[in-house]
Amino acid sequence: MSGIEMAGIALAKYASMLESAGVYFLDTLEELLNDIVPLDEELEPLIQEPLGTLWKKPQYDQKLRDRLDRLYKSYLKTLQTLVQKLHTLREKLGIDESGAVATLAVSI
């Protein structure tokens, strides 16, 4: 097996791990927002853009503070760090928004 083939297999494994982490992350957000966000059409944008402007709606913010209590600030900081790291990793691995791995151009 050539080095290029091995790199492709490794990249696919990392992409799969990143996708799994993303699914776990989204499940966690959905669980957190359960009973806080009343409508599915509002839940989707919140999940698609963690820490975006919808997260700052007073009714969501207060319910999150109530649910998380003293962990509120820590949770948001952890969430922000996780979002940044997942984004950076996705960029480095060449994974687009849909989870597809970009093809590598190799010159020999």
PDB file of N, CA and C in Angstrom:
ATOM      1  N   MET A   1       0.857  -1.168   0.000  1.00  0.00           N
ATOM      2  CA  MET A   1       0.000   0.000   0.000  1.00  0.00           C
ATOM      3  C   MET A   1       0.906   1.234   0.000  1.00  0.00           C
ATOM      4  N   SER A   2       0.598   2.167  -0.862  1.00  0.00           N
ATOM      5  CA  SER A   2       1.417   3.373  -0.967  1.00  0.00           C
ATOM      6  C   SER A   2       1.130   4.334   0.186  1.00  0.00           C
ATOM      7  N   GLY A   3       2.028   5.287   0.364  1.00  0.00           N
ATOM      8  CA  GLY A   3       1.854   6.296   1.399  1.00  0.00           C
ATOM      9  C   GLY A   3       0.613   7.127   1.170  1.00  0.00           C
ATOM     10  N   ILE A   4       0.307   7.383  -0.089  1.00  0.00           N
ATOM     11  CA  ILE A   4      -0.882   8.183  -0.422  1.00  0.00           C
ATOM     12  C   ILE A   4      -2.150   7.426  -0.038  1.00  0.00           C
ATOM     13  N   GLU A   5      -2.170   6.118  -0.292  1.00  0.00           N
ATOM     14  CA  GLU A   5      -3.332   5.312   0.081  1.00  0.00           C
ATOM     15  C   GLU A   5      -3.495   5.264   1.602  1.00  0.00           C
ATOM     16  N   MET A   6      -2.374   5.111   2.301  1.00  0.00           N
ATOM     17  CA  MET A   6      -2.428   5.078   3.760  1.00  0.00           C
ATOM     18  C   MET A   6      -2.906   6.420   4.313  1.00  0.00           C
ATOM     19  N   ALA A   7      -2.459   7.513   3.701  1.00  0.00           N
ATOM     20  CA  ALA A   7      -2.896   8.842   4.136  1.00  0.00           C
ATOM     21  C   ALA A   7      -4.393   9.000   3.908  1.00  0.00           C
ATOM     22  N   GLY A   8      -4.871   8.476   2.791  1.00  0.00           N
ATOM     23  CA  GLY A   8      -6.303   8.541   2.504  1.00  0.00           C
ATOM     24  C   GLY A   8      -7.131   7.773   3.515  1.00  0.00           C
ATOM     25  N   ILE A   9      -6.648   6.598   3.911  1.00  0.00           N
ATOM     26  CA  ILE A   9      -7.347   5.794   4.915  1.00  0.00           C
ATOM     27  C   ILE A   9      -7.344   6.518   6.258  1.00  0.00           C
ATOM     28  N   ALA A  10      -6.190   7.079   6.630  1.00  0.00           N
ATOM     29  CA  ALA A  10      -6.101   7.817   7.902  1.00  0.00           C
ATOM     30  C   ALA A  10      -7.031   9.016   7.891  1.00  0.00           C
ATOM     31  N   LEU A  11      -7.074   9.727   6.782  1.00  0.00           N
ATOM     32  CA  LEU A  11      -7.943  10.893   6.674  1.00  0.00           C
ATOM     33  C   LEU A  11      -9.408  10.486   6.799  1.00  0.00           C
ATOM     34  N   ALA A  12      -9.771   9.378   6.170  1.00  0.00           N
ATOM     35  CA  ALA A  12     -11.154   8.894   6.267  1.00  0.00           C
ATOM     36  C   ALA A  12     -11.506   8.519   7.707  1.00  0.00           C
ATOM     37  N   LYS A  13     -10.550   7.908   8.427  1.00  0.00           N
ATOM     38  CA  LYS A  13     -10.803   7.555   9.828  1.00  0.00           C
ATOM     39  C   LYS A  13     -10.997   8.806  10.674  1.00  0.00           C
ATOM     40  N   TYR A  14     -10.143   9.814  10.453  1.00  0.00           N
ATOM     41  CA  TYR A  14     -10.290  11.059  11.202  1.00  0.00           C
ATOM     42  C   TYR A  14     -11.614  11.736  10.877  1.00  0.00           C
ATOM     43  N   ALA A  15     -12.004  11.697   9.622  1.00  0.00           N
ATOM     44  CA  ALA A  15     -13.281  12.295   9.231  1.00  0.00           C
ATOM     45  C   ALA A  15     -14.434  11.583   9.927  1.00  0.00           C
ATOM     46  N   SER A  16     -14.342  10.269  10.019  1.00  0.00           N
ATOM     47  CA  SER A  16     -15.378   9.492  10.691  1.00  0.00           C
ATOM     48  C   SER A  16     -15.427   9.833  12.180  1.00  0.00           C
ATOM     49  N   MET A  17     -14.263   9.969  12.804  1.00  0.00           N
ATOM     50  CA  MET A  17     -14.218  10.331  14.220  1.00  0.00           C
ATOM     51  C   MET A  17     -14.782  11.729  14.432  1.00  0.00           C
ATOM     52  N   LEU A  18     -14.448  12.647  13.528  1.00  0.00           N
ATOM     53  CA  LEU A  18     -14.961  14.009  13.641  1.00  0.00           C
ATOM     54  C   LEU A  18     -16.472  14.027  13.475  1.00  0.00           C
ATOM     55  N   GLU A  19     -16.959  13.231  12.536  1.00  0.00           N
ATOM     56  CA  GLU A  19     -18.411  13.153  12.343  1.00  0.00           C
ATOM     57  C   GLU A  19     -19.094  12.603  13.586  1.00  0.00           C
ATOM     58  N   SER A  20     -18.498  11.576  14.200  1.00  0.00           N
ATOM     59  CA  SER A  20     -19.056  11.011  15.432  1.00  0.00           C
ATOM     60  C   SER A  20     -19.071  12.040  16.547  1.00  0.00           C
ATOM     61  N   ALA A  21     -17.989  12.800  16.676  1.00  0.00           N
ATOM     62  CA  ALA A  21     -17.926  13.847  17.699  1.00  0.00           C
ATOM     63  C   ALA A  21     -18.988  14.898  17.432  1.00  0.00           C
ATOM     64  N   GLY A  22     -19.183  15.225  16.157  1.00  0.00           N
ATOM     65  CA  GLY A  22     -20.199  16.208  15.797  1.00  0.00           C
ATOM     66  C   GLY A  22     -21.598  15.733  16.140  1.00  0.00           C
ATOM     67  N   VAL A  23     -21.873  14.463  15.898  1.00  0.00           N
ATOM     68  CA  VAL A  23     -23.185  13.902  16.218  1.00  0.00           C
ATOM     69  C   VAL A  23     -23.412  13.935  17.727  1.00  0.00           C
ATOM     70  N   TYR A  24     -22.394  13.537  18.497  1.00  0.00           N
ATOM     71  CA  TYR A  24     -22.495  13.571  19.956  1.00  0.00           C
ATOM     72  C   TYR A  24     -22.741  14.999  20.437  1.00  0.00           C
ATOM     73  N   PHE A  25     -22.009  15.941  19.852  1.00  0.00           N
ATOM     74  CA  PHE A  25     -22.143  17.362  20.186  1.00  0.00           C
ATOM     75  C   PHE A  25     -23.556  17.849  19.913  1.00  0.00           C
ATOM     76  N   LEU A  26     -24.105  17.499  18.751  1.00  0.00           N
ATOM     77  CA  LEU A  26     -25.463  17.923  18.402  1.00  0.00           C
ATOM     78  C   LEU A  26     -26.500  17.286  19.320  1.00  0.00           C
ATOM     79  N   ASP A  27     -26.297  16.026  19.661  1.00  0.00           N
ATOM     80  CA  ASP A  27     -27.215  15.361  20.597  1.00  0.00           C
ATOM     81  C   ASP A  27     -27.206  16.054  21.954  1.00  0.00           C
ATOM     82  N   THR A  28     -26.010  16.455  22.392  1.00  0.00           N
ATOM     83  CA  THR A  28     -25.885  17.151  23.668  1.00  0.00           C
ATOM     84  C   THR A  28     -26.625  18.485  23.633  1.00  0.00           C
ATOM     85  N   LEU A  29     -26.484  19.212  22.533  1.00  0.00           N
ATOM     86  CA  LEU A  29     -27.195  20.487  22.406  1.00  0.00           C
ATOM     87  C   LEU A  29     -28.701  20.281  22.413  1.00  0.00           C
ATOM     88  N   GLU A  30     -29.168  19.277  21.686  1.00  0.00           N
ATOM     89  CA  GLU A  30     -30.604  19.001  21.653  1.00  0.00           C
ATOM     90  C   GLU A  30     -31.131  18.665  23.049  1.00  0.00           C
ATOM     91  N   GLU A  31     -30.377  17.867  23.781  1.00  0.00           N
ATOM     92  CA  GLU A  31     -30.796  17.504  25.139  1.00  0.00           C
ATOM     93  C   GLU A  31     -30.823  18.721  26.049  1.00  0.00           C
ATOM     94  N   LEU A  32     -29.821  19.566  25.934  1.00  0.00           N
ATOM     95  CA  LEU A  32     -29.766  20.777  26.742  1.00  0.00           C
ATOM     96  C   LEU A  32     -30.956  21.687  26.466  1.00  0.00           C
ATOM     97  N   LEU A  33     -31.311  21.812  25.188  1.00  0.00           N
ATOM     98  CA  LEU A  33     -32.361  22.738  24.794  1.00  0.00           C
ATOM     99  C   LEU A  33     -33.766  22.148  24.917  1.00  0.00           C
ATOM    100  N   ASN A  34     -33.866  20.874  25.269  1.00  0.00           N
ATOM    101  CA  ASN A  34     -35.154  20.230  25.454  1.00  0.00           C
ATOM    102  C   ASN A  34     -35.964  21.000  26.506  1.00  0.00           C
ATOM    103  N   ASP A  35     -37.189  21.344  26.186  1.00  0.00           N
ATOM    104  CA  ASP A  35     -38.109  22.107  27.049  1.00  0.00           C
ATOM    105  C   ASP A  35     -37.728  23.578  27.211  1.00  0.00           C
ATOM    106  N   ILE A  36     -36.664  24.010  26.574  1.00  0.00           N
ATOM    107  CA  ILE A  36     -36.298  25.430  26.603  1.00  0.00           C
ATOM    108  C   ILE A  36     -36.772  26.096  25.317  1.00  0.00           C
ATOM    109  N   VAL A  37     -36.569  25.419  24.208  1.00  0.00           N
ATOM    110  CA  VAL A  37     -36.977  25.935  22.901  1.00  0.00           C
ATOM    111  C   VAL A  37     -38.262  25.219  22.507  1.00  0.00           C
ATOM    112  N   PRO A  38     -39.359  25.967  22.373  1.00  0.00           N
ATOM    113  CA  PRO A  38     -40.656  25.331  22.171  1.00  0.00           C
ATOM    114  C   PRO A  38     -40.921  24.784  20.764  1.00  0.00           C
ATOM    115  N   LEU A  39     -40.300  25.330  19.766  1.00  0.00           N
ATOM    116  CA  LEU A  39     -40.619  24.945  18.399  1.00  0.00           C
ATOM    117  C   LEU A  39     -39.418  24.337  17.689  1.00  0.00           C
ATOM    118  N   ASP A  40     -39.672  23.270  16.918  1.00  0.00           N
ATOM    119  CA  ASP A  40     -38.586  22.631  16.174  1.00  0.00           C
ATOM    120  C   ASP A  40     -37.911  23.583  15.194  1.00  0.00           C
ATOM    121  N   GLU A  41     -38.711  24.504  14.600  1.00  0.00           N
ATOM    122  CA  GLU A  41     -38.107  25.427  13.633  1.00  0.00           C
ATOM    123  C   GLU A  41     -37.132  26.398  14.293  1.00  0.00           C
ATOM    124  N   GLU A  42     -37.248  26.614  15.589  1.00  0.00           N
ATOM    125  CA  GLU A  42     -36.284  27.447  16.300  1.00  0.00           C
ATOM    126  C   GLU A  42     -35.111  26.613  16.813  1.00  0.00           C
ATOM    127  N   LEU A  43     -35.340  25.335  17.062  1.00  0.00           N
ATOM    128  CA  LEU A  43     -34.286  24.465  17.558  1.00  0.00           C
ATOM    129  C   LEU A  43     -33.186  24.272  16.522  1.00  0.00           C
ATOM    130  N   GLU A  44     -33.554  24.061  15.283  1.00  0.00           N
ATOM    131  CA  GLU A  44     -32.571  23.805  14.222  1.00  0.00           C
ATOM    132  C   GLU A  44     -31.543  24.931  14.066  1.00  0.00           C
ATOM    133  N   PRO A  45     -31.968  26.197  13.976  1.00  0.00           N
ATOM    134  CA  PRO A  45     -30.962  27.267  13.861  1.00  0.00           C
ATOM    135  C   PRO A  45     -30.064  27.379  15.092  1.00  0.00           C
ATOM    136  N   LEU A  46     -30.595  27.083  16.262  1.00  0.00           N
ATOM    137  CA  LEU A  46     -29.776  27.118  17.470  1.00  0.00           C
ATOM    138  C   LEU A  46     -28.692  26.050  17.421  1.00  0.00           C
ATOM    139  N   ILE A  47     -29.040  24.899  16.920  1.00  0.00           N
ATOM    140  CA  ILE A  47     -28.083  23.797  16.846  1.00  0.00           C
ATOM    141  C   ILE A  47     -27.079  24.029  15.714  1.00  0.00           C
ATOM    142  N   GLN A  48     -27.556  24.573  14.611  1.00  0.00           N
ATOM    143  CA  GLN A  48     -26.658  24.818  13.480  1.00  0.00           C
ATOM    144  C   GLN A  48     -25.642  25.916  13.766  1.00  0.00           C
ATOM    145  N   GLU A  49     -25.997  26.834  14.644  1.00  0.00           N
ATOM    146  CA  GLU A  49     -25.089  27.933  14.974  1.00  0.00           C
ATOM    147  C   GLU A  49     -24.958  28.054  16.496  1.00  0.00           C
ATOM    148  N   PRO A  50     -24.202  27.119  17.084  1.00  0.00           N
ATOM    149  CA  PRO A  50     -24.025  27.187  18.535  1.00  0.00           C
ATOM    150  C   PRO A  50     -23.421  28.530  18.945  1.00  0.00           C
ATOM    151  N   LEU A  51     -24.014  29.118  19.936  1.00  0.00           N
ATOM    152  CA  LEU A  51     -23.584  30.411  20.471  1.00  0.00           C
ATOM    153  C   LEU A  51     -23.868  31.579  19.531  1.00  0.00           C
ATOM    154  N   GLY A  52     -24.725  31.365  18.537  1.00  0.00           N
ATOM    155  CA  GLY A  52     -25.115  32.446  17.635  1.00  0.00           C
ATOM    156  C   GLY A  52     -26.081  33.403  18.308  1.00  0.00           C
ATOM    157  N   THR A  53     -26.639  34.303  17.542  1.00  0.00           N
ATOM    158  CA  THR A  53     -27.494  35.357  18.094  1.00  0.00           C
ATOM    159  C   THR A  53     -28.762  34.819  18.761  1.00  0.00           C
ATOM    160  N   LEU A  54     -29.326  33.728  18.252  1.00  0.00           N
ATOM    161  CA  LEU A  54     -30.534  33.177  18.869  1.00  0.00           C
ATOM    162  C   LEU A  54     -30.290  32.715  20.299  1.00  0.00           C
ATOM    163  N   TRP A  55     -29.064  32.331  20.607  1.00  0.00           N
ATOM    164  CA  TRP A  55     -28.741  31.893  21.963  1.00  0.00           C
ATOM    165  C   TRP A  55     -28.872  33.039  22.963  1.00  0.00           C
ATOM    166  N   LYS A  56     -28.863  34.251  22.480  1.00  0.00           N
ATOM    167  CA  LYS A  56     -28.905  35.414  23.360  1.00  0.00           C
ATOM    168  C   LYS A  56     -30.332  35.912  23.619  1.00  0.00           C
ATOM    169  N   LYS A  57     -31.324  35.245  23.032  1.00  0.00           N
ATOM    170  CA  LYS A  57     -32.705  35.631  23.312  1.00  0.00           C
ATOM    171  C   LYS A  57     -32.934  35.518  24.814  1.00  0.00           C
ATOM    172  N   PRO A  58     -33.496  36.564  25.425  1.00  0.00           N
ATOM    173  CA  PRO A  58     -33.649  36.565  26.889  1.00  0.00           C
ATOM    174  C   PRO A  58     -34.350  35.331  27.455  1.00  0.00           C
ATOM    175  N   GLN A  59     -35.396  34.862  26.785  1.00  0.00           N
ATOM    176  CA  GLN A  59     -36.120  33.718  27.335  1.00  0.00           C
ATOM    177  C   GLN A  59     -35.274  32.439  27.292  1.00  0.00           C
ATOM    178  N   TYR A  60     -34.420  32.281  26.275  1.00  0.00           N
ATOM    179  CA  TYR A  60     -33.551  31.107  26.203  1.00  0.00           C
ATOM    180  C   TYR A  60     -32.412  31.241  27.206  1.00  0.00           C
ATOM    181  N   ASP A  61     -31.828  32.423  27.235  1.00  0.00           N
ATOM    182  CA  ASP A  61     -30.692  32.652  28.117  1.00  0.00           C
ATOM    183  C   ASP A  61     -31.066  32.407  29.575  1.00  0.00           C
ATOM    184  N   GLN A  62     -32.197  32.931  30.004  1.00  0.00           N
ATOM    185  CA  GLN A  62     -32.601  32.765  31.402  1.00  0.00           C
ATOM    186  C   GLN A  62     -32.900  31.305  31.724  1.00  0.00           C
ATOM    187  N   LYS A  63     -33.556  30.602  30.809  1.00  0.00           N
ATOM    188  CA  LYS A  63     -33.852  29.188  31.051  1.00  0.00           C
ATOM    189  C   LYS A  63     -32.579  28.354  31.096  1.00  0.00           C
ATOM    190  N   LEU A  64     -31.606  28.700  30.250  1.00  0.00           N
ATOM    191  CA  LEU A  64     -30.316  28.013  30.301  1.00  0.00           C
ATOM    192  C   LEU A  64     -29.603  28.280  31.623  1.00  0.00           C
ATOM    193  N   ARG A  65     -29.648  29.531  32.063  1.00  0.00           N
ATOM    194  CA  ARG A  65     -29.036  29.879  33.359  1.00  0.00           C
ATOM    195  C   ARG A  65     -29.705  29.096  34.493  1.00  0.00           C
ATOM    196  N   ASP A  66     -31.020  29.003  34.439  1.00  0.00           N
ATOM    197  CA  ASP A  66     -31.744  28.264  35.468  1.00  0.00           C
ATOM    198  C   ASP A  66     -31.383  26.772  35.432  1.00  0.00           C
ATOM    199  N   ARG A  67     -31.315  26.210  34.234  1.00  0.00           N
ATOM    200  CA  ARG A  67     -31.029  24.786  34.095  1.00  0.00           C
ATOM    201  C   ARG A  67     -29.592  24.456  34.505  1.00  0.00           C
ATOM    202  N   LEU A  68     -28.654  25.286  34.086  1.00  0.00           N
ATOM    203  CA  LEU A  68     -27.242  24.988  34.329  1.00  0.00           C
ATOM    204  C   LEU A  68     -26.726  25.544  35.659  1.00  0.00           C
ATOM    205  N   ASP A  69     -27.462  26.495  36.218  1.00  0.00           N
ATOM    206  CA  ASP A  69     -27.120  27.088  37.505  1.00  0.00           C
ATOM    207  C   ASP A  69     -25.668  27.580  37.503  1.00  0.00           C
ATOM    208  N   ARG A  70     -24.869  27.157  38.452  1.00  0.00           N
ATOM    209  CA  ARG A  70     -23.501  27.684  38.555  1.00  0.00           C
ATOM    210  C   ARG A  70     -22.581  27.182  37.446  1.00  0.00           C
ATOM    211  N   LEU A  71     -23.026  26.208  36.669  1.00  0.00           N
ATOM    212  CA  LEU A  71     -22.229  25.686  35.557  1.00  0.00           C
ATOM    213  C   LEU A  71     -22.434  26.469  34.259  1.00  0.00           C
ATOM    214  N   TYR A  72     -23.317  27.450  34.284  1.00  0.00           N
ATOM    215  CA  TYR A  72     -23.679  28.192  33.071  1.00  0.00           C
ATOM    216  C   TYR A  72     -22.456  28.763  32.344  1.00  0.00           C
ATOM    217  N   LYS A  73     -21.644  29.548  33.030  1.00  0.00           N
ATOM    218  CA  LYS A  73     -20.489  30.183  32.384  1.00  0.00           C
ATOM    219  C   LYS A  73     -19.484  29.148  31.911  1.00  0.00           C
ATOM    220  N   SER A  74     -19.254  28.158  32.716  1.00  0.00           N
ATOM    221  CA  SER A  74     -18.317  27.097  32.354  1.00  0.00           C
ATOM    222  C   SER A  74     -18.804  26.330  31.128  1.00  0.00           C
ATOM    223  N   TYR A  75     -20.110  26.044  31.082  1.00  0.00           N
ATOM    224  CA  TYR A  75     -20.672  25.321  29.939  1.00  0.00           C
ATOM    225  C   TYR A  75     -20.513  26.126  28.659  1.00  0.00           C
ATOM    226  N   LEU A  76     -20.842  27.404  28.706  1.00  0.00           N
ATOM    227  CA  LEU A  76     -20.722  28.236  27.513  1.00  0.00           C
ATOM    228  C   LEU A  76     -19.270  28.360  27.055  1.00  0.00           C
ATOM    229  N   LYS A  77     -18.356  28.471  27.994  1.00  0.00           N
ATOM    230  CA  LYS A  77     -16.935  28.547  27.625  1.00  0.00           C
ATOM    231  C   LYS A  77     -16.484  27.234  26.990  1.00  0.00           C
ATOM    232  N   THR A  78     -16.894  26.120  27.568  1.00  0.00           N
ATOM    233  CA  THR A  78     -16.551  24.809  27.006  1.00  0.00           C
ATOM    234  C   THR A  78     -17.173  24.639  25.626  1.00  0.00           C
ATOM    235  N   LEU A  79     -18.411  25.053  25.484  1.00  0.00           N
ATOM    236  CA  LEU A  79     -19.097  24.976  24.199  1.00  0.00           C
ATOM    237  C   LEU A  79     -18.372  25.808  23.143  1.00  0.00           C
ATOM    238  N   GLN A  80     -17.971  27.006  23.499  1.00  0.00           N
ATOM    239  CA  GLN A  80     -17.248  27.872  22.579  1.00  0.00           C
ATOM    240  C   GLN A  80     -15.919  27.233  22.166  1.00  0.00           C
ATOM    241  N   THR A  81     -15.189  26.692  23.114  1.00  0.00           N
ATOM    242  CA  THR A  81     -13.913  26.038  22.815  1.00  0.00           C
ATOM    243  C   THR A  81     -14.122  24.838  21.906  1.00  0.00           C
ATOM    244  N   LEU A  82     -15.122  24.028  22.194  1.00  0.00           N
ATOM    245  CA  LEU A  82     -15.408  22.849  21.385  1.00  0.00           C
ATOM    246  C   LEU A  82     -15.790  23.228  19.964  1.00  0.00           C
ATOM    247  N   VAL A  83     -16.629  24.231  19.814  1.00  0.00           N
ATOM    248  CA  VAL A  83     -17.032  24.686  18.475  1.00  0.00           C
ATOM    249  C   VAL A  83     -15.803  25.144  17.688  1.00  0.00           C
ATOM    250  N   GLN A  84     -14.941  25.915  18.322  1.00  0.00           N
ATOM    251  CA  GLN A  84     -13.737  26.400  17.643  1.00  0.00           C
ATOM    252  C   GLN A  84     -12.823  25.251  17.247  1.00  0.00           C
ATOM    253  N   LYS A  85     -12.609  24.298  18.143  1.00  0.00           N
ATOM    254  CA  LYS A  85     -11.713  23.176  17.855  1.00  0.00           C
ATOM    255  C   LYS A  85     -12.273  22.277  16.762  1.00  0.00           C
ATOM    256  N   LEU A  86     -13.568  22.007  16.791  1.00  0.00           N
ATOM    257  CA  LEU A  86     -14.176  21.205  15.731  1.00  0.00           C
ATOM    258  C   LEU A  86     -14.068  21.909  14.377  1.00  0.00           C
ATOM    259  N   HIS A  87     -14.267  23.213  14.373  1.00  0.00           N
ATOM    260  CA  HIS A  87     -14.156  23.987  13.137  1.00  0.00           C
ATOM    261  C   HIS A  87     -12.716  23.947  12.603  1.00  0.00           C
ATOM    262  N   THR A  88     -11.759  24.147  13.474  1.00  0.00           N
ATOM    263  CA  THR A  88     -10.346  24.119  13.076  1.00  0.00           C
ATOM    264  C   THR A  88      -9.957  22.744  12.552  1.00  0.00           C
ATOM    265  N   LEU A  89     -10.370  21.696  13.253  1.00  0.00           N
ATOM    266  CA  LEU A  89     -10.057  20.343  12.828  1.00  0.00           C
ATOM    267  C   LEU A  89     -10.691  20.023  11.485  1.00  0.00           C
ATOM    268  N   ARG A  90     -11.931  20.435  11.320  1.00  0.00           N
ATOM    269  CA  ARG A  90     -12.611  20.209  10.035  1.00  0.00           C
ATOM    270  C   ARG A  90     -11.875  20.896   8.895  1.00  0.00           C
ATOM    271  N   GLU A  91     -11.414  22.129   9.125  1.00  0.00           N
ATOM    272  CA  GLU A  91     -10.660  22.849   8.100  1.00  0.00           C
ATOM    273  C   GLU A  91      -9.344  22.142   7.772  1.00  0.00           C
ATOM    274  N   LYS A  92      -8.625  21.726   8.804  1.00  0.00           N
ATOM    275  CA  LYS A  92      -7.334  21.069   8.603  1.00  0.00           C
ATOM    276  C   LYS A  92      -7.477  19.749   7.854  1.00  0.00           C
ATOM    277  N   LEU A  93      -8.577  19.047   8.088  1.00  0.00           N
ATOM    278  CA  LEU A  93      -8.796  17.770   7.423  1.00  0.00           C
ATOM    279  C   LEU A  93      -9.473  17.924   6.062  1.00  0.00           C
ATOM    280  N   GLY A  94      -9.859  19.128   5.724  1.00  0.00           N
ATOM    281  CA  GLY A  94     -10.507  19.354   4.426  1.00  0.00           C
ATOM    282  C   GLY A  94     -11.906  18.792   4.357  1.00  0.00           C
ATOM    283  N   ILE A  95     -12.634  18.879   5.461  1.00  0.00           N
ATOM    284  CA  ILE A  95     -14.002  18.363   5.517  1.00  0.00           C
ATOM    285  C   ILE A  95     -14.962  19.527   5.373  1.00  0.00           C
ATOM    286  N   ASP A  96     -15.887  19.403   4.412  1.00  0.00           N
ATOM    287  CA  ASP A  96     -16.823  20.504   4.194  1.00  0.00           C
ATOM    288  C   ASP A  96     -17.994  20.417   5.167  1.00  0.00           C
ATOM    289  N   GLU A  97     -18.921  21.356   5.071  1.00  0.00           N
ATOM    290  CA  GLU A  97     -20.057  21.441   5.989  1.00  0.00           C
ATOM    291  C   GLU A  97     -20.928  20.187   5.984  1.00  0.00           C
ATOM    292  N   SER A  98     -20.960  19.487   4.851  1.00  0.00           N
ATOM    293  CA  SER A  98     -21.794  18.285   4.763  1.00  0.00           C
ATOM    294  C   SER A  98     -21.100  17.052   5.332  1.00  0.00           C
ATOM    295  N   GLY A  99     -19.800  17.182   5.665  1.00  0.00           N
ATOM    296  CA  GLY A  99     -19.038  16.055   6.191  1.00  0.00           C
ATOM    297  C   GLY A  99     -18.221  15.337   5.145  1.00  0.00           C
ATOM    298  N   ALA A 100     -18.285  15.809   3.903  1.00  0.00           N
ATOM    299  CA  ALA A 100     -17.519  15.178   2.829  1.00  0.00           C
ATOM    300  C   ALA A 100     -16.064  15.625   2.897  1.00  0.00           C
ATOM    301  N   VAL A 101     -15.170  14.684   2.611  1.00  0.00           N
ATOM    302  CA  VAL A 101     -13.735  14.978   2.604  1.00  0.00           C
ATOM    303  C   VAL A 101     -13.359  15.479   1.222  1.00  0.00           C
ATOM    304  N   ALA A 102     -12.665  16.597   1.181  1.00  0.00           N
ATOM    305  CA  ALA A 102     -12.212  17.161  -0.090  1.00  0.00           C
ATOM    306  C   ALA A 102     -11.167  16.210  -0.688  1.00  0.00           C
ATOM    307  N   THR A 103     -11.143  16.131  -1.989  1.00  0.00           N
ATOM    308  CA  THR A 103     -10.139  15.288  -2.650  1.00  0.00           C
ATOM    309  C   THR A 103      -8.788  15.987  -2.606  1.00  0.00           C
ATOM    310  N   LEU A 104      -7.764  15.203  -2.484  1.00  0.00           N
ATOM    311  CA  LEU A 104      -6.413  15.741  -2.448  1.00  0.00           C
ATOM    312  C   LEU A 104      -5.827  15.756  -3.844  1.00  0.00           C
ATOM    313  N   ALA A 105      -5.231  16.869  -4.208  1.00  0.00           N
ATOM    314  CA  ALA A 105      -4.531  16.951  -5.479  1.00  0.00           C
ATOM    315  C   ALA A 105      -3.071  16.597  -5.218  1.00  0.00           C
ATOM    316  N   VAL A 106      -2.614  15.545  -5.825  1.00  0.00           N
ATOM    317  CA  VAL A 106      -1.246  15.102  -5.605  1.00  0.00           C
ATOM    318  C   VAL A 106      -0.495  15.137  -6.922  1.00  0.00           C
ATOM    319  N   SER A 107       0.650  15.790  -6.899  1.00  0.00           N
ATOM    320  CA  SER A 107       1.475  15.806  -8.101  1.00  0.00           C
ATOM    321  C   SER A 107       2.671  14.882  -7.874  1.00  0.00           C
ATOM    322  N   ILE A 108       2.974  14.085  -8.872  1.00  0.00           N
ATOM    323  CA  ILE A 108       4.066  13.128  -8.762  1.00  0.00           C
ATOM    324  C   ILE A 108       5.198  13.517  -9.680  1.00  0.00           C
TER     325      ILE A 108
END
